[in-house]
Amino acid sequence: MVIDIPKIEIIDLDVYYSQFRALNHINMKIKANKVTALIGPSGCGKSTFLRAINRMNDLIKDCCYVGKIILDGEDICCSWIDVTQLRRKIGMVFQKSNPFPKTIFDNVAYGLRINGLVKSHRELSERVEQSLRDAALWDEVKDVLYKNAFDLSGGQQQRLCIARALAIKPEVILMDEPASALDPISTAKIEELIYQLKKQYTIVIVTHNMQQAARISDDTGFFLLGELIEFGDTNQIFTKPKDKRTEDYITGRFG
């Protein structure tokens, strides 16, 4: 029997912004090499939860955590955790594509250079090429690597940001609505890419698109008012939800 080992385990997690409790007692096991989708209405805590996983919320004044986030057996909420090293392990792709005002090549090479992860230009070029291949972008940009990244289409820019995240070889990739601003063709490419990437990475994605969650994820968590209402196998969540609030949301009765 195959046992899905959790890559990340969330235990009794609360997240506060000063006196406001944004997340309330979250428990979840995120499996390795699977896609976990987070769904729920705007302002329900999905993005706060996503950013807790790589401590991005630390950048917000008066944010604090109660509970545990266990990554490979280590609690990353501990004060002695090296957050820079953590974010090398856990890459992030944002809702709006955010390429740097640099060439395509330099965008992908950026993290490799500042972290001193390559020893020669040849190694740098190989890592850039592999990252662009992994992001399904190489064939489209291999002849224009020194063109400004802003000259790419919106969908290409988002895949470039994914390539930039992949370049430093993370173990987990967080995606905050990565296709919400894209056209249907670009969205389909991102979804196909996510499906391919889970062979090598653990992926957690926030999406408002119910059909997208159903298509690409293995597990789904439904958030509402800072609480995780239901979490489980995606097929079960979408066909036989256990909680009436989950059913009402996925059938469009509220949102």
Protein backbone atom coordinates (compact mmCIF):
# COMPACT_ATOMS: atom_id res chain seq x y z
CA MET A 1 0.00 0.00 0.00
CA VAL A 2 1.33 3.46 -0.96
CA ILE A 3 1.34 5.95 1.92
CA ASP A 4 1.28 9.67 1.13
CA ILE A 5 3.86 11.24 3.45
CA PRO A 6 3.13 14.88 4.33
CA LYS A 7 5.75 17.35 3.16
CA ILE A 8 4.23 20.02 5.39
CA GLU A 9 2.06 19.54 8.45
CA ILE A 10 0.08 22.43 9.92
CA ILE A 11 -0.82 21.99 13.59
CA ASP A 12 -3.26 24.27 15.46
CA LEU A 13 -2.12 27.34 13.51
CA ASP A 14 -3.44 30.79 14.35
CA VAL A 15 -2.17 33.90 12.58
CA TYR A 16 -2.72 37.34 14.09
CA TYR A 17 -2.36 40.81 12.63
CA SER A 18 -2.05 42.73 15.90
CA GLN A 19 -5.34 41.90 17.70
CA PHE A 20 -7.10 40.55 14.61
CA ARG A 21 -7.05 36.77 14.23
CA ALA A 22 -6.80 36.08 10.48
CA LEU A 23 -6.52 32.28 10.80
CA ASN A 24 -8.18 30.18 13.46
CA HIS A 25 -6.84 26.80 14.54
CA ILE A 26 -5.81 25.42 11.12
CA ASN A 27 -4.79 21.75 10.84
CA MET A 28 -3.69 20.32 7.49
CA LYS A 29 -1.29 17.78 6.00
CA ILE A 30 0.15 18.78 2.63
CA LYS A 31 1.41 15.75 0.73
CA ALA A 32 4.70 15.62 -1.12
CA ASN A 33 4.58 15.80 -4.93
CA LYS A 34 0.89 16.65 -4.94
CA VAL A 35 -1.08 19.77 -5.80
CA THR A 36 -3.09 21.18 -2.91
CA ALA A 37 -5.70 23.80 -3.86
CA LEU A 38 -7.04 26.39 -1.41
CA ILE A 39 -10.50 27.74 -2.22
CA GLY A 40 -12.92 30.13 -0.55
CA PRO A 41 -14.34 33.66 -0.90
CA SER A 42 -12.15 36.76 -0.86
CA GLY A 43 -10.81 37.69 2.56
CA CYS A 44 -11.27 34.21 4.04
CA GLY A 45 -7.59 33.64 4.90
CA LYS A 46 -6.30 31.66 1.90
CA SER A 47 -3.46 34.03 1.02
CA THR A 48 -2.57 34.57 4.68
CA PHE A 49 -2.27 30.81 5.05
CA LEU A 50 -0.19 30.50 1.88
CA ARG A 51 2.21 33.22 3.00
CA ALA A 52 2.53 31.68 6.45
CA ILE A 53 4.10 28.61 4.86
CA ASN A 54 7.20 30.56 3.82
CA ARG A 55 6.94 33.26 6.49
CA MET A 56 6.10 36.04 4.03
CA ASN A 57 3.68 37.39 6.64
CA ASP A 58 6.74 38.34 8.69
CA LEU A 59 6.99 41.41 6.45
CA ILE A 60 3.68 42.70 7.87
CA LYS A 61 3.92 44.72 11.08
CA ASP A 62 2.57 43.06 14.24
CA CYS A 63 1.96 39.70 12.55
CA CYS A 64 2.51 36.69 14.77
CA TYR A 65 1.98 32.93 14.66
CA VAL A 66 0.62 30.52 17.24
CA GLY A 67 0.91 26.81 16.51
CA LYS A 68 3.26 24.87 14.26
CA ILE A 69 4.17 24.57 10.60
CA ILE A 70 6.30 21.44 10.24
CA LEU A 71 8.43 21.20 7.08
CA ASP A 72 10.35 17.93 6.80
CA GLY A 73 10.11 17.43 10.55
CA GLU A 74 11.21 20.96 11.55
CA ASP A 75 8.93 23.66 12.95
CA ILE A 76 9.50 26.69 10.71
CA CYS A 77 7.62 29.01 13.08
CA CYS A 78 10.53 28.89 15.54
CA SER A 79 12.36 32.19 16.04
CA TRP A 80 15.76 30.70 15.17
CA ILE A 81 14.73 29.58 11.67
CA ASP A 82 16.77 31.25 8.92
CA VAL A 83 13.95 32.78 6.89
CA THR A 84 16.20 33.43 3.87
CA GLN A 85 17.14 29.75 3.71
CA LEU A 86 13.49 28.81 4.21
CA ARG A 87 12.42 30.85 1.19
CA ARG A 88 15.01 29.09 -0.93
CA LYS A 89 13.21 25.85 -0.06
CA ILE A 90 9.76 27.34 -0.57
CA GLY A 91 9.41 29.43 -3.73
CA MET A 92 6.46 31.69 -4.45
CA VAL A 93 4.62 32.84 -7.57
CA PHE A 94 2.25 35.77 -7.16
CA GLN A 95 -1.11 36.62 -8.70
CA LYS A 96 0.30 39.38 -10.88
CA SER A 97 3.38 38.45 -12.84
CA ASN A 98 6.29 40.49 -11.51
CA PRO A 99 9.34 40.13 -13.74
CA PHE A 100 12.28 42.38 -12.92
CA PRO A 101 13.12 45.21 -15.37
CA LYS A 102 15.92 43.07 -16.77
CA THR A 103 16.48 40.66 -19.63
CA ILE A 104 14.79 37.27 -19.71
CA PHE A 105 18.14 35.63 -18.93
CA ASP A 106 18.90 37.96 -16.00
CA ASN A 107 15.45 37.42 -14.49
CA VAL A 108 16.05 33.68 -14.19
CA ALA A 109 19.70 34.13 -13.20
CA TYR A 110 18.95 36.65 -10.45
CA GLY A 111 18.44 34.25 -7.53
CA LEU A 112 21.35 32.08 -8.62
CA ARG A 113 23.68 35.07 -8.61
CA ILE A 114 22.67 36.73 -5.35
CA ASN A 115 22.73 33.41 -3.49
CA GLY A 116 26.07 32.37 -4.99
CA LEU A 117 24.62 29.09 -6.25
CA VAL A 118 26.73 28.77 -9.40
CA LYS A 119 30.49 28.84 -9.91
CA SER A 120 30.82 29.67 -13.60
CA HIS A 121 28.98 31.38 -16.43
CA ARG A 122 28.58 28.02 -18.12
CA GLU A 123 26.86 26.57 -15.05
CA LEU A 124 24.69 29.70 -14.81
CA SER A 125 23.63 29.35 -18.45
CA GLU A 126 22.81 25.67 -17.96
CA ARG A 127 20.69 26.39 -14.89
CA VAL A 128 18.85 29.21 -16.68
CA GLU A 129 18.12 26.99 -19.67
CA GLN A 130 16.92 24.10 -17.49
CA SER A 131 14.66 26.39 -15.48
CA LEU A 132 13.12 27.83 -18.64
CA ARG A 133 12.62 24.29 -19.97
CA ASP A 134 10.99 23.24 -16.70
CA ALA A 135 8.66 26.24 -16.99
CA ALA A 136 7.77 25.26 -20.59
CA LEU A 137 9.15 28.55 -21.90
CA TRP A 138 12.53 27.69 -23.42
CA ASP A 139 11.35 27.05 -26.97
CA GLU A 140 9.58 30.43 -27.02
CA VAL A 141 12.48 32.54 -25.72
CA LYS A 142 15.71 30.70 -26.52
CA ASP A 143 16.49 33.11 -29.38
CA VAL A 144 15.62 36.28 -27.44
CA LEU A 145 17.17 35.63 -24.02
CA TYR A 146 18.62 39.14 -23.83
CA LYS A 147 15.36 40.85 -24.69
CA ASN A 148 13.58 42.80 -21.94
CA ALA A 149 11.23 40.56 -19.94
CA PHE A 150 8.49 43.18 -20.23
CA ASP A 151 8.31 42.45 -23.98
CA LEU A 152 6.83 39.03 -23.22
CA SER A 153 3.09 38.39 -23.14
CA GLY A 154 1.29 38.15 -19.81
CA GLY A 155 1.26 34.37 -19.89
CA GLN A 156 4.93 34.22 -20.83
CA GLN A 157 5.81 36.64 -18.03
CA GLN A 158 4.05 34.42 -15.51
CA ARG A 159 5.93 31.35 -16.75
CA LEU A 160 9.13 33.40 -16.55
CA CYS A 161 8.36 34.11 -12.88
CA ILE A 162 7.84 30.38 -12.37
CA ALA A 163 11.20 29.71 -14.06
CA ARG A 164 12.81 32.27 -11.74
CA ALA A 165 11.34 30.45 -8.75
CA LEU A 166 12.50 27.06 -10.06
CA ALA A 167 16.06 28.22 -10.73
CA ILE A 168 17.13 28.02 -7.08
CA LYS A 169 15.70 24.48 -6.87
CA PRO A 170 13.04 24.84 -4.17
CA GLU A 171 11.20 21.85 -2.73
CA VAL A 172 7.81 23.55 -2.44
CA ILE A 173 6.14 26.07 -4.78
CA LEU A 174 3.39 28.36 -3.51
CA MET A 175 1.12 29.94 -6.13
CA ASP A 176 -1.31 32.74 -5.30
CA GLU A 177 -3.89 32.76 -8.14
CA PRO A 178 -1.19 32.46 -10.81
CA ALA A 179 -3.63 32.40 -13.73
CA SER A 180 -6.32 34.84 -12.59
CA ALA A 181 -5.13 37.64 -14.89
CA LEU A 182 -4.48 35.42 -17.92
CA ASP A 183 -6.48 34.54 -21.01
CA PRO A 184 -7.86 30.98 -21.40
CA ILE A 185 -4.97 29.77 -23.59
CA SER A 186 -2.32 31.05 -21.19
CA THR A 187 -4.31 29.65 -18.26
CA ALA A 188 -4.35 26.22 -19.90
CA LYS A 189 -0.55 26.37 -20.31
CA ILE A 190 -0.10 27.26 -16.63
CA GLU A 191 -2.39 24.39 -15.58
CA GLU A 192 -0.52 21.92 -17.78
CA LEU A 193 2.75 23.21 -16.34
CA ILE A 194 1.51 22.73 -12.76
CA TYR A 195 0.53 19.16 -13.58
CA GLN A 196 4.05 18.47 -14.89
CA LEU A 197 5.84 20.25 -12.03
CA LYS A 198 4.24 18.16 -9.29
CA LYS A 199 6.47 15.27 -10.37
CA GLN A 200 9.38 17.22 -8.85
CA TYR A 201 7.77 19.68 -6.44
CA THR A 202 5.08 19.98 -3.80
CA ILE A 203 2.63 22.66 -4.96
CA VAL A 204 0.10 24.70 -3.01
CA ILE A 205 -2.17 26.96 -5.07
CA VAL A 206 -4.79 29.54 -4.12
CA THR A 207 -7.53 29.83 -6.73
CA HIS A 208 -11.01 31.34 -7.04
CA ASN A 209 -11.65 29.15 -10.09
CA MET A 210 -13.57 26.08 -8.95
CA GLN A 211 -13.08 24.30 -12.27
CA GLN A 212 -9.35 24.94 -12.09
CA ALA A 213 -9.13 23.51 -8.57
CA ALA A 214 -11.07 20.45 -9.68
CA ARG A 215 -8.86 19.96 -12.76
CA ILE A 216 -5.37 20.33 -11.34
CA SER A 217 -5.40 19.50 -7.62
CA ASP A 218 -5.12 16.27 -5.67
CA ASP A 219 -6.39 17.74 -2.39
CA THR A 220 -8.54 20.79 -1.70
CA GLY A 221 -9.07 22.93 1.38
CA PHE A 222 -12.10 25.21 1.75
CA PHE A 223 -11.54 28.32 3.89
CA LEU A 224 -14.24 30.59 5.32
CA LEU A 225 -13.80 33.50 7.74
CA GLY A 226 -10.32 32.39 8.74
CA GLU A 227 -11.28 28.76 9.38
CA LEU A 228 -10.52 25.60 7.40
CA ILE A 229 -14.04 24.26 6.98
CA GLU A 230 -13.16 21.12 5.06
CA PHE A 231 -10.04 19.50 3.64
CA GLY A 232 -9.60 16.29 1.70
CA ASP A 233 -9.38 14.53 -1.63
CA THR A 234 -10.42 16.95 -4.38
CA ASN A 235 -12.87 14.54 -5.97
CA GLN A 236 -14.58 13.99 -2.63
CA ILE A 237 -14.73 17.72 -1.85
CA PHE A 238 -16.35 18.51 -5.19
CA THR A 239 -18.73 15.55 -5.43
CA LYS A 240 -19.56 14.65 -1.83
CA PRO A 241 -18.61 17.50 0.51
CA LYS A 242 -19.21 16.72 4.16
CA ASP A 243 -20.04 20.27 5.23
CA LYS A 244 -23.10 22.17 3.94
CA ARG A 245 -21.05 25.37 3.72
CA THR A 246 -18.60 23.68 1.35
CA GLU A 247 -21.45 22.47 -0.84
CA ASP A 248 -23.03 25.93 -0.89
CA TYR A 249 -19.76 27.53 -1.96
CA ILE A 250 -18.77 25.13 -4.72
CA THR A 251 -22.29 25.17 -6.16
CA GLY A 252 -22.29 28.97 -6.28
CA ARG A 253 -24.87 29.67 -3.59
CA PHE A 254 -22.46 32.20 -2.09
CA GLY A 255 -19.02 33.48 -2.87
